[in-house]
Amino acid sequence: MNMLINLPDELLAVVLDALDVREVKQLSLVSGTFSARCRPRLYHSVVFTSEGHHNQEPPPLHSFLRSVLFFPDRASLVRKFILVSDRPGNPWRDLDPLEPAELAIATQVLFDAGFNMTAKLLSALESGNSSSLDAAIALLLLILPNLRVINLGVCFSPFRSSSFAVGSTILTPAMFRHIIRESSPVGGPQSLETIQYYSDPDYPKDEDIPNFTDVLWLFYVPSIKNLAIRAVDHNLPFQWPLAAPFLPALHTLNLQNSHVQLQTLETLLSWLPHVRRLEYHCYFNCRKFPEYFLDCIHLREVLETRSDALEELVLSVRFYGREAPSDTSFWDNIGYGIHGSLGDMNRFTNLKYLKAPVILLLGWDSSTQATLAGNLPASLQELCCTNDMSEYDLIPWNYDGHAHDQIRSFLFSRAGILQKFIVGAERGRRLWDRGVIQSLWKACNHGGIAFDIIRDPWEEY
């Protein structure tokens, strides 16, 4: 044991890297020396998931929050903070109230920072009400000065349903606004490089909440490189809260399960000169706004504003609340809100990876004359075709011989060039049995192209 204590820091780091967090924690309990030397590893990445916890338990944040409040030196060690629910139906419940000593320190920190919603935040922490989880995260943003990565996943949603309740998320974006607007020298947002901030795509109860003015502040994080957000604008007018941001370091933008209009997307892209990966997941609430539709040509024109920079492009589209048209014609376009196709994408000269629904690549109406062989760029190395209209029980792989032939012809034309082709279909295995996807596999096999199936095209998002 003495030999282990006397190891140089770089060798001890190798030993600690070979251990999981539980083992490092046990090692830290051996002595005060081990505790001090293990602490940077223990506090580097703080992860709370609902795995192993009873449904709707509060996350075990108390011990961590108490630790960084009483020992600020430990707060400076944290680089990554993750709070997610492993299952969409198992969100975190409200936190238990903080102890008076903890509240006293939190009060001093908030007043020193001049946060304008201090009273509301402290009230939530003291009472353990429906905003307590939001309040705890907002406080952590302020007291973790060297935070690099934050992931607030499906557990963190500003909506309620009959089966469970999750409180509002007003305080966290308010803290982002405060730290960035005041150019505060303290607070994690100033050093953040990766932000994942979105709600649960399987529970669309919050699709009516326009939150775009809140998430706009995330574009002002000076060191941001990767940003994934759930954004809703409903085509409402907005203004940049400060001078329009210019983010040369941001190279990955993921609009997760979002309701963002194309003109808004165009504005965002105008400030991202070096974005290399873009995920644009259109999620339209057609029950409230039945007039919404997706113009594929306009979408391509917006994306072309960054055609020289984009290397990876992921697109998807869903229409919440839109009923399938009663017309039995498969090609009836009126009820689906998709107009035209992406068409010629040869201006995307650096595009290596493309994931998109067949309906965007080839169009959804019979008047759309589209091919893949001449429309996709020569730089493309990996193509994933998905089917986002499976919820209407309309499967192009089953019924549309034109789409099938176009994809197969494209695979033959890219033999030896394309590296991988992926089929994304919720009923992929059943389609394999019918021989439709099997013929695509044969085309890939003939051209030396790797082939794979994603059974659920939404599982990666």
Protein backbone atom coordinates (compact mmCIF):
# COMPACT_ATOMS: atom_id res chain seq x y z
CA MET A 1 0.00 0.00 0.00
CA ASN A 2 2.89 2.38 0.82
CA MET A 3 4.30 1.81 -2.64
CA LEU A 4 0.96 2.82 -4.15
CA ILE A 5 0.82 5.99 -2.04
CA ASN A 6 4.32 6.98 -3.18
CA LEU A 7 3.61 6.51 -6.88
CA PRO A 8 4.18 9.62 -9.04
CA ASP A 9 0.97 11.39 -10.06
CA GLU A 10 1.19 10.26 -13.68
CA LEU A 11 1.52 6.58 -12.69
CA LEU A 12 -1.25 6.80 -10.11
CA ALA A 13 -3.45 8.34 -12.81
CA VAL A 14 -2.87 5.23 -14.93
CA VAL A 15 -3.91 3.01 -12.00
CA LEU A 16 -7.03 5.07 -11.29
CA ASP A 17 -8.02 5.05 -14.96
CA ALA A 18 -8.08 1.25 -14.83
CA LEU A 19 -10.62 1.32 -11.97
CA ASP A 20 -14.32 2.12 -12.12
CA VAL A 21 -15.76 4.93 -10.01
CA ARG A 22 -16.94 2.62 -7.21
CA GLU A 23 -13.43 1.17 -6.86
CA VAL A 24 -11.84 4.63 -6.82
CA LYS A 25 -14.32 5.67 -4.13
CA GLN A 26 -13.37 2.66 -2.00
CA LEU A 27 -9.68 3.45 -2.50
CA SER A 28 -10.26 7.04 -1.39
CA LEU A 29 -11.56 5.76 1.98
CA VAL A 30 -8.25 4.07 2.85
CA SER A 31 -6.58 7.20 4.17
CA GLY A 32 -6.52 10.97 3.98
CA THR A 33 -3.66 10.80 1.47
CA PHE A 34 -5.59 8.47 -0.82
CA SER A 35 -8.68 10.64 -0.44
CA ALA A 36 -6.79 13.72 -1.63
CA ARG A 37 -5.16 11.92 -4.55
CA CYS A 38 -8.38 10.21 -5.68
CA ARG A 39 -10.53 13.34 -5.42
CA PRO A 40 -9.74 14.78 -8.89
CA ARG A 41 -10.84 11.53 -10.50
CA LEU A 42 -14.01 11.27 -8.39
CA TYR A 43 -15.13 14.82 -9.08
CA HIS A 44 -14.08 15.07 -12.72
CA SER A 45 -17.30 13.55 -14.08
CA VAL A 46 -20.46 13.69 -11.97
CA VAL A 47 -23.19 11.50 -13.41
CA PHE A 48 -26.70 10.92 -12.07
CA THR A 49 -28.95 8.48 -13.87
CA SER A 50 -32.18 6.80 -12.83
CA GLU A 51 -30.72 3.33 -13.27
CA GLY A 52 -31.29 1.33 -10.12
CA HIS A 53 -33.61 3.94 -8.62
CA HIS A 54 -37.30 3.56 -7.95
CA ASN A 55 -39.64 5.34 -10.31
CA GLN A 56 -39.81 9.09 -9.64
CA GLU A 57 -37.26 9.16 -6.83
CA PRO A 58 -35.37 12.43 -6.42
CA PRO A 59 -31.83 12.28 -7.84
CA PRO A 60 -29.15 11.77 -5.15
CA LEU A 61 -27.88 15.32 -5.57
CA HIS A 62 -27.79 16.26 -1.88
CA SER A 63 -24.44 14.79 -0.97
CA PHE A 64 -22.80 16.25 -4.07
CA LEU A 65 -24.38 19.67 -3.62
CA ARG A 66 -23.40 19.70 0.06
CA SER A 67 -19.84 18.73 -0.83
CA VAL A 68 -19.26 21.50 -3.37
CA LEU A 69 -21.01 24.11 -1.18
CA PHE A 70 -18.87 23.38 1.88
CA PHE A 71 -15.65 22.67 -0.06
CA PRO A 72 -15.29 25.07 -3.03
CA ASP A 73 -11.97 23.49 -3.99
CA ARG A 74 -13.90 20.34 -4.93
CA ALA A 75 -16.27 22.35 -7.11
CA SER A 76 -13.29 23.47 -9.20
CA LEU A 77 -12.49 19.82 -10.02
CA VAL A 78 -15.79 19.14 -11.80
CA ARG A 79 -15.53 19.11 -15.60
CA LYS A 80 -18.65 17.12 -16.57
CA PHE A 81 -22.15 17.11 -15.08
CA ILE A 82 -24.83 14.73 -16.35
CA LEU A 83 -28.38 14.39 -15.06
CA VAL A 84 -30.51 12.08 -17.17
CA SER A 85 -33.25 9.54 -16.85
CA ASP A 86 -32.54 6.14 -18.35
CA ARG A 87 -36.19 5.56 -19.20
CA PRO A 88 -38.54 8.22 -20.59
CA GLY A 89 -41.29 7.21 -18.17
CA ASN A 90 -38.99 7.43 -15.16
CA PRO A 91 -38.17 11.10 -14.58
CA TRP A 92 -36.67 12.49 -11.43
CA ARG A 93 -38.98 13.66 -8.65
CA ASP A 94 -38.66 16.95 -6.70
CA LEU A 95 -35.66 17.27 -4.40
CA ASP A 96 -35.94 17.08 -0.64
CA PRO A 97 -35.44 20.44 1.15
CA LEU A 98 -31.88 21.53 1.88
CA GLU A 99 -30.59 21.86 5.41
CA PRO A 100 -30.28 25.37 6.98
CA ALA A 101 -26.46 25.33 6.84
CA GLU A 102 -26.54 24.46 3.16
CA LEU A 103 -29.13 27.16 2.48
CA ALA A 104 -26.99 29.74 4.27
CA ILE A 105 -24.03 29.10 1.99
CA ALA A 106 -26.24 29.04 -1.11
CA THR A 107 -27.79 32.36 -0.03
CA GLN A 108 -24.39 34.03 0.29
CA VAL A 109 -23.23 32.69 -3.08
CA LEU A 110 -26.37 33.93 -4.85
CA PHE A 111 -26.32 37.38 -3.25
CA ASP A 112 -22.62 37.78 -4.08
CA ALA A 113 -23.42 36.95 -7.71
CA GLY A 114 -26.35 39.39 -7.81
CA PHE A 115 -28.74 36.84 -9.29
CA ASN A 116 -32.10 38.55 -9.79
CA MET A 117 -34.17 35.43 -9.01
CA THR A 118 -32.40 34.57 -5.77
CA ALA A 119 -35.58 34.56 -3.67
CA LYS A 120 -37.38 32.13 -6.00
CA LEU A 121 -34.37 29.82 -6.19
CA LEU A 122 -33.88 29.72 -2.43
CA SER A 123 -37.60 29.16 -1.86
CA ALA A 124 -37.50 26.12 -4.15
CA LEU A 125 -34.46 24.66 -2.37
CA GLU A 126 -35.91 25.32 1.06
CA SER A 127 -39.36 23.86 0.39
CA GLY A 128 -38.46 21.10 -2.07
CA ASN A 129 -41.25 22.21 -4.42
CA SER A 130 -41.73 21.44 -8.12
CA SER A 131 -38.90 23.83 -9.07
CA SER A 132 -36.34 22.33 -6.69
CA LEU A 133 -34.49 20.30 -9.31
CA ASP A 134 -34.34 23.32 -11.59
CA ALA A 135 -33.06 25.44 -8.69
CA ALA A 136 -30.32 22.96 -7.81
CA ILE A 137 -29.04 22.86 -11.39
CA ALA A 138 -29.10 26.67 -11.63
CA LEU A 139 -27.07 26.87 -8.40
CA LEU A 140 -24.56 24.32 -9.70
CA LEU A 141 -24.06 26.39 -12.85
CA LEU A 142 -22.92 29.21 -10.61
CA ILE A 143 -20.60 27.28 -8.27
CA LEU A 144 -18.87 24.93 -10.75
CA PRO A 145 -16.32 27.30 -12.31
CA ASN A 146 -14.52 24.86 -14.59
CA LEU A 147 -17.48 22.97 -16.05
CA ARG A 148 -16.83 21.79 -19.62
CA VAL A 149 -19.77 19.44 -20.33
CA ILE A 150 -23.37 19.54 -19.12
CA ASN A 151 -26.11 17.14 -20.15
CA LEU A 152 -29.64 17.70 -18.91
CA GLY A 153 -31.59 14.93 -20.55
CA VAL A 154 -35.14 13.64 -20.64
CA CYS A 155 -35.55 13.99 -16.88
CA PHE A 156 -35.48 17.74 -17.19
CA SER A 157 -38.70 18.77 -18.92
CA PRO A 158 -40.99 21.77 -18.39
CA PHE A 159 -44.25 19.87 -18.64
CA ARG A 160 -46.72 17.85 -16.60
CA SER A 161 -48.77 14.81 -17.45
CA SER A 162 -51.27 12.64 -15.62
CA SER A 163 -48.72 9.94 -14.85
CA PHE A 164 -45.98 12.11 -13.40
CA ALA A 165 -45.04 15.71 -12.78
CA VAL A 166 -41.86 17.58 -13.56
CA GLY A 167 -41.51 21.15 -12.41
CA SER A 168 -40.78 24.25 -14.45
CA THR A 169 -37.33 24.95 -15.85
CA ILE A 170 -37.27 28.73 -15.55
CA LEU A 171 -34.31 29.11 -13.22
CA THR A 172 -31.67 27.27 -15.24
CA PRO A 173 -31.98 29.41 -18.40
CA ALA A 174 -32.26 32.46 -16.12
CA MET A 175 -28.89 31.56 -14.60
CA PHE A 176 -27.41 31.11 -18.08
CA ARG A 177 -28.71 34.57 -18.96
CA HIS A 178 -27.34 36.12 -15.79
CA ILE A 179 -23.82 34.71 -16.07
CA ILE A 180 -23.47 35.49 -19.77
CA ARG A 181 -25.17 38.91 -19.76
CA GLU A 182 -23.22 40.10 -16.73
CA SER A 183 -19.97 38.61 -18.11
CA SER A 184 -19.56 37.01 -14.72
CA PRO A 185 -16.04 35.78 -14.01
CA VAL A 186 -17.56 32.87 -12.09
CA GLY A 187 -19.94 30.18 -13.20
CA GLY A 188 -19.67 27.10 -15.39
CA PRO A 189 -21.29 28.54 -18.56
CA GLN A 190 -18.24 30.68 -19.29
CA SER A 191 -16.10 27.57 -19.81
CA LEU A 192 -18.68 25.14 -21.24
CA GLU A 193 -17.72 23.39 -24.45
CA THR A 194 -20.58 20.88 -24.74
CA ILE A 195 -24.21 21.50 -23.82
CA GLN A 196 -27.07 19.02 -24.18
CA TYR A 197 -30.28 20.63 -23.04
CA TYR A 198 -33.50 19.04 -24.19
CA SER A 199 -36.62 17.28 -23.06
CA ASP A 200 -38.17 13.92 -23.69
CA PRO A 201 -39.07 13.19 -27.35
CA ASP A 202 -41.41 10.39 -26.31
CA TYR A 203 -43.65 12.73 -24.33
CA PRO A 204 -44.66 15.57 -26.66
CA LYS A 205 -46.65 17.46 -24.03
CA ASP A 206 -44.27 20.40 -24.19
CA GLU A 207 -44.37 21.02 -27.94
CA ASP A 208 -46.55 24.10 -27.39
CA ILE A 209 -44.05 25.88 -25.13
CA PRO A 210 -42.00 28.41 -27.14
CA ASN A 211 -38.62 28.34 -25.42
CA PHE A 212 -36.48 29.84 -28.14
CA THR A 213 -35.74 33.06 -26.28
CA ASP A 214 -34.30 30.93 -23.45
CA VAL A 215 -32.08 28.71 -25.57
CA LEU A 216 -30.80 31.71 -27.55
CA TRP A 217 -28.54 32.49 -24.61
CA LEU A 218 -26.71 29.22 -25.10
CA PHE A 219 -25.33 30.59 -28.37
CA TYR A 220 -23.45 33.23 -26.35
CA VAL A 221 -21.37 30.74 -24.37
CA PRO A 222 -17.94 31.87 -25.57
CA SER A 223 -16.21 28.48 -25.66
CA ILE A 224 -19.12 26.35 -26.92
CA LYS A 225 -18.18 23.65 -29.44
CA ASN A 226 -21.12 21.22 -29.30
CA LEU A 227 -24.69 22.31 -28.72
CA ALA A 228 -27.78 20.06 -28.60
CA ILE A 229 -31.07 21.72 -27.70
CA ARG A 230 -34.82 21.17 -27.84
CA ALA A 231 -36.03 24.43 -29.40
CA VAL A 232 -39.55 25.66 -30.14
CA ASP A 233 -40.17 28.98 -31.89
CA HIS A 234 -43.65 28.63 -33.52
CA ASN A 235 -42.48 31.27 -35.98
CA LEU A 236 -42.73 33.91 -33.25
CA PRO A 237 -40.64 37.07 -33.72
CA PHE A 238 -37.46 37.15 -31.67
CA GLN A 239 -34.40 39.32 -31.28
CA TRP A 240 -30.90 38.33 -30.35
CA PRO A 241 -30.54 39.40 -26.70
CA LEU A 242 -27.09 40.86 -27.37
CA ALA A 243 -25.14 41.58 -30.53
CA ALA A 244 -25.53 38.64 -32.90
CA PRO A 245 -23.08 35.94 -31.83
CA PHE A 246 -20.20 34.72 -33.97
CA LEU A 247 -19.14 31.21 -32.99
CA PRO A 248 -16.17 29.98 -35.00
CA ALA A 249 -15.52 27.17 -32.49
CA LEU A 250 -19.01 25.64 -32.64
CA HIS A 251 -18.82 22.66 -35.00
CA THR A 252 -21.81 20.51 -33.90
CA LEU A 253 -25.40 21.75 -33.68
CA ASN A 254 -28.27 19.41 -32.86
CA LEU A 255 -31.80 20.82 -32.94
CA GLN A 256 -33.30 17.86 -31.12
CA ASN A 257 -36.97 17.13 -31.61
CA SER A 258 -37.48 20.82 -32.40
CA HIS A 259 -40.12 23.04 -33.87
CA VAL A 260 -37.82 25.57 -35.53
CA GLN A 261 -38.84 27.27 -38.76
CA LEU A 262 -36.45 27.36 -41.70
CA GLN A 263 -35.91 31.12 -41.46
CA THR A 264 -34.80 30.61 -37.86
CA LEU A 265 -32.43 27.83 -38.91
CA GLU A 266 -30.98 30.11 -41.59
CA THR A 267 -30.33 32.79 -38.98
CA LEU A 268 -28.58 30.30 -36.70
CA LEU A 269 -26.38 28.96 -39.48
CA SER A 270 -25.33 32.47 -40.47
CA TRP A 271 -23.37 32.74 -37.22
CA LEU A 272 -21.76 29.28 -37.40
CA PRO A 273 -19.07 29.52 -40.09
CA HIS A 274 -17.40 26.23 -39.24
CA VAL A 275 -20.29 23.95 -38.31
CA ARG A 276 -19.31 20.45 -39.43
CA ARG A 277 -22.22 18.40 -38.09
CA LEU A 278 -25.84 19.53 -38.17
CA GLU A 279 -28.86 17.61 -36.90
CA TYR A 280 -32.20 19.17 -37.77
CA HIS A 281 -35.10 17.17 -36.39
CA CYS A 282 -38.36 18.82 -37.47
CA TYR A 283 -41.23 18.13 -35.10
CA PHE A 284 -44.36 20.01 -36.19
CA ASN A 285 -47.44 20.34 -34.01
CA CYS A 286 -50.08 20.17 -36.73
CA ARG A 287 -52.93 19.96 -34.26
CA LYS A 288 -52.29 23.52 -33.15
CA PHE A 289 -50.77 24.81 -36.40
CA PRO A 290 -52.29 22.75 -39.23
CA GLU A 291 -50.93 25.09 -41.88
CA TYR A 292 -47.30 24.10 -41.25
CA PHE A 293 -45.49 22.18 -43.96
CA LEU A 294 -41.89 21.45 -44.84
CA ASP A 295 -40.61 22.86 -48.14
CA CYS A 296 -37.72 20.56 -49.03
CA ILE A 297 -36.25 22.88 -51.66
CA HIS A 298 -36.20 25.75 -49.17
CA LEU A 299 -34.60 23.43 -46.63
CA ARG A 300 -31.83 22.55 -49.08
CA GLU A 301 -31.26 26.24 -49.89
CA VAL A 302 -30.90 27.03 -46.20
CA LEU A 303 -28.47 24.15 -45.69
CA GLU A 304 -26.47 25.25 -48.72
CA THR A 305 -25.43 28.40 -46.84
CA ARG A 306 -22.99 26.09 -45.05
CA SER A 307 -22.47 23.55 -47.82
CA ASP A 308 -18.71 24.15 -47.82
CA ALA A 309 -18.37 23.36 -44.10
CA LEU A 310 -20.87 20.54 -43.46
CA GLU A 311 -19.38 17.07 -43.22
CA GLU A 312 -22.26 15.29 -41.44
CA LEU A 313 -25.96 16.00 -41.90
CA VAL A 314 -28.83 14.31 -40.04
CA LEU A 315 -32.44 15.15 -40.94
CA SER A 316 -35.76 13.84 -39.67
CA VAL A 317 -39.37 14.98 -39.77
CA ARG A 318 -42.47 14.14 -37.72
CA PHE A 319 -45.93 15.67 -37.63
CA TYR A 320 -47.54 15.50 -34.22
CA GLY A 321 -51.34 15.45 -34.33
CA ARG A 322 -51.68 15.24 -38.10
CA GLU A 323 -54.07 12.55 -39.25
CA ALA A 324 -53.32 10.48 -42.30
CA PRO A 325 -55.49 11.56 -45.25
CA SER A 326 -58.55 9.50 -45.95
CA ASP A 327 -57.64 9.24 -49.63
CA THR A 328 -56.31 5.77 -50.28
CA SER A 329 -53.76 7.03 -52.82
CA PHE A 330 -50.28 6.37 -51.44
CA TRP A 331 -48.86 9.44 -53.14
CA ASP A 332 -51.44 11.88 -51.79
CA ASN A 333 -49.21 14.67 -50.54
CA ILE A 334 -51.77 17.05 -49.08
CA GLY A 335 -52.07 15.55 -45.60
CA TYR A 336 -48.41 15.00 -44.89
CA GLY A 337 -47.00 18.53 -45.06
CA ILE A 338 -43.93 17.62 -47.11
CA HIS A 339 -43.49 19.49 -50.37
CA GLY A 340 -40.97 18.45 -53.01
CA SER A 341 -37.60 16.83 -52.35
CA LEU A 342 -34.09 17.96 -51.48
CA GLY A 343 -33.03 17.46 -55.09
CA ASP A 344 -29.48 18.26 -56.20
CA MET A 345 -27.05 18.24 -53.25
CA ASN A 346 -23.82 18.34 -55.21
CA ARG A 347 -22.87 21.69 -53.69
CA PHE A 348 -22.16 19.86 -50.42
CA THR A 349 -18.64 19.08 -51.55
CA ASN A 350 -17.35 17.98 -48.12
CA LEU A 351 -20.38 15.95 -47.02
CA LYS A 352 -19.30 12.50 -45.83
CA TYR A 353 -22.31 11.29 -43.81
CA LEU A 354 -26.00 11.79 -44.62
CA LYS A 355 -28.97 10.46 -42.66
CA ALA A 356 -32.35 11.46 -44.07
CA PRO A 357 -35.84 10.08 -44.69
CA VAL A 358 -36.61 8.65 -48.11
CA ILE A 359 -39.42 11.19 -48.42
CA LEU A 360 -36.92 14.07 -48.24
CA LEU A 361 -34.49 12.49 -50.68
CA LEU A 362 -37.02 11.37 -53.29
CA GLY A 363 -40.13 13.40 -52.52
CA TRP A 364 -43.57 12.36 -51.36
CA ASP A 365 -45.75 13.29 -54.30
CA SER A 366 -45.98 11.72 -57.73
CA SER A 367 -44.88 14.91 -59.50
CA THR A 368 -41.45 14.86 -57.87
CA GLN A 369 -38.89 13.50 -60.30
CA ALA A 370 -35.85 12.67 -58.20
CA THR A 371 -32.88 10.38 -58.41
CA LEU A 372 -30.09 9.64 -55.99
CA ALA A 373 -27.25 8.76 -58.30
CA GLY A 374 -26.96 12.26 -59.75
CA ASN A 375 -28.10 14.23 -56.73
CA LEU A 376 -25.88 13.10 -53.87
CA PRO A 377 -22.30 14.46 -53.71
CA ALA A 378 -19.32 12.37 -54.75
CA SER A 379 -17.73 12.95 -51.32
CA LEU A 380 -20.44 10.92 -49.57
CA GLN A 381 -19.05 7.91 -47.69
CA GLU A 382 -22.04 6.81 -45.61
CA LEU A 383 -25.77 7.04 -46.34
CA CYS A 384 -28.60 6.18 -43.95
CA CYS A 385 -32.14 6.19 -45.38
CA THR A 386 -34.90 6.32 -42.78
CA ASN A 387 -38.68 6.24 -42.93
CA ASP A 388 -40.21 8.84 -40.66
CA MET A 389 -43.75 8.19 -41.93
CA SER A 390 -44.03 4.71 -40.49
CA GLU A 391 -46.50 6.03 -37.87
CA TYR A 392 -49.02 6.37 -40.72
CA ASP A 393 -48.34 2.77 -41.71
CA LEU A 394 -46.95 4.00 -45.03
CA ILE A 395 -43.69 2.21 -45.70
CA PRO A 396 -41.92 3.24 -48.91
CA TRP A 397 -39.76 0.13 -48.68
CA ASN A 398 -42.93 -1.96 -49.03
CA TYR A 399 -45.07 -0.10 -51.51
CA ASP A 400 -42.91 2.26 -53.55
CA GLY A 401 -41.07 0.48 -56.33
CA HIS A 402 -39.68 3.80 -57.63
CA ALA A 403 -37.90 4.56 -54.33
CA HIS A 404 -36.61 1.03 -54.12
CA ASP A 405 -35.23 1.14 -57.67
CA GLN A 406 -33.64 4.55 -57.17
CA ILE A 407 -31.80 3.46 -54.04
CA ARG A 408 -30.64 0.23 -55.61
CA SER A 409 -29.43 2.06 -58.72
CA PHE A 410 -27.55 4.52 -56.52
CA LEU A 411 -25.83 1.67 -54.66
CA PHE A 412 -24.71 0.09 -57.93
CA SER A 413 -23.41 3.45 -59.16
CA ARG A 414 -21.34 4.01 -56.00
CA ALA A 415 -19.73 0.57 -55.92
CA GLY A 416 -16.22 0.92 -54.52
CA ILE A 417 -16.90 4.56 -53.47
CA LEU A 418 -19.63 4.47 -50.84
CA GLN A 419 -18.38 2.80 -47.68
CA LYS A 420 -21.62 2.05 -45.84
CA PHE A 421 -25.37 2.03 -46.43
CA ILE A 422 -27.83 1.88 -43.53
CA VAL A 423 -31.55 1.22 -43.60
CA GLY A 424 -33.48 2.94 -40.83
CA ALA A 425 -36.97 1.47 -40.55
CA GLU A 426 -39.01 0.59 -37.49
CA ARG A 427 -40.11 -2.62 -39.20
CA GLY A 428 -36.78 -3.37 -40.76
CA ARG A 429 -36.68 -7.08 -39.93
CA ARG A 430 -40.15 -7.70 -41.30
CA LEU A 431 -39.17 -5.93 -44.52
CA TRP A 432 -36.12 -8.13 -44.78
CA ASP A 433 -38.40 -11.14 -44.79
CA ARG A 434 -40.39 -9.68 -47.67
CA GLY A 435 -37.28 -9.38 -49.75
CA VAL A 436 -37.34 -5.62 -50.21
CA ILE A 437 -34.37 -4.81 -48.02
CA GLN A 438 -32.71 -8.05 -49.00
CA SER A 439 -32.32 -6.79 -52.57
CA LEU A 440 -30.62 -3.65 -51.24
CA TRP A 441 -28.26 -5.81 -49.23
CA LYS A 442 -27.40 -7.73 -52.39
CA ALA A 443 -26.64 -4.46 -54.19
CA CYS A 444 -24.32 -3.46 -51.35
CA ASN A 445 -22.67 -6.85 -51.32
CA HIS A 446 -22.07 -6.60 -55.07
CA GLY A 447 -20.37 -3.20 -54.69
CA GLY A 448 -18.35 -3.94 -51.56
CA ILE A 449 -20.50 -1.58 -49.46
CA ALA A 450 -21.08 -2.35 -45.78
CA PHE A 451 -24.77 -2.80 -44.93
CA ASP A 452 -26.67 -2.35 -41.67
CA ILE A 453 -30.23 -1.94 -40.34
CA ILE A 454 -31.47 0.39 -37.63
CA ARG A 455 -34.74 -1.03 -36.41
CA ASP A 456 -35.91 2.22 -34.82
CA PRO A 457 -34.69 5.39 -36.55
CA TRP A 458 -35.42 7.42 -33.42
CA GLU A 459 -33.34 5.40 -31.01
CA GLU A 460 -30.16 7.37 -31.77
CA TYR A 461 -31.73 10.79 -31.26
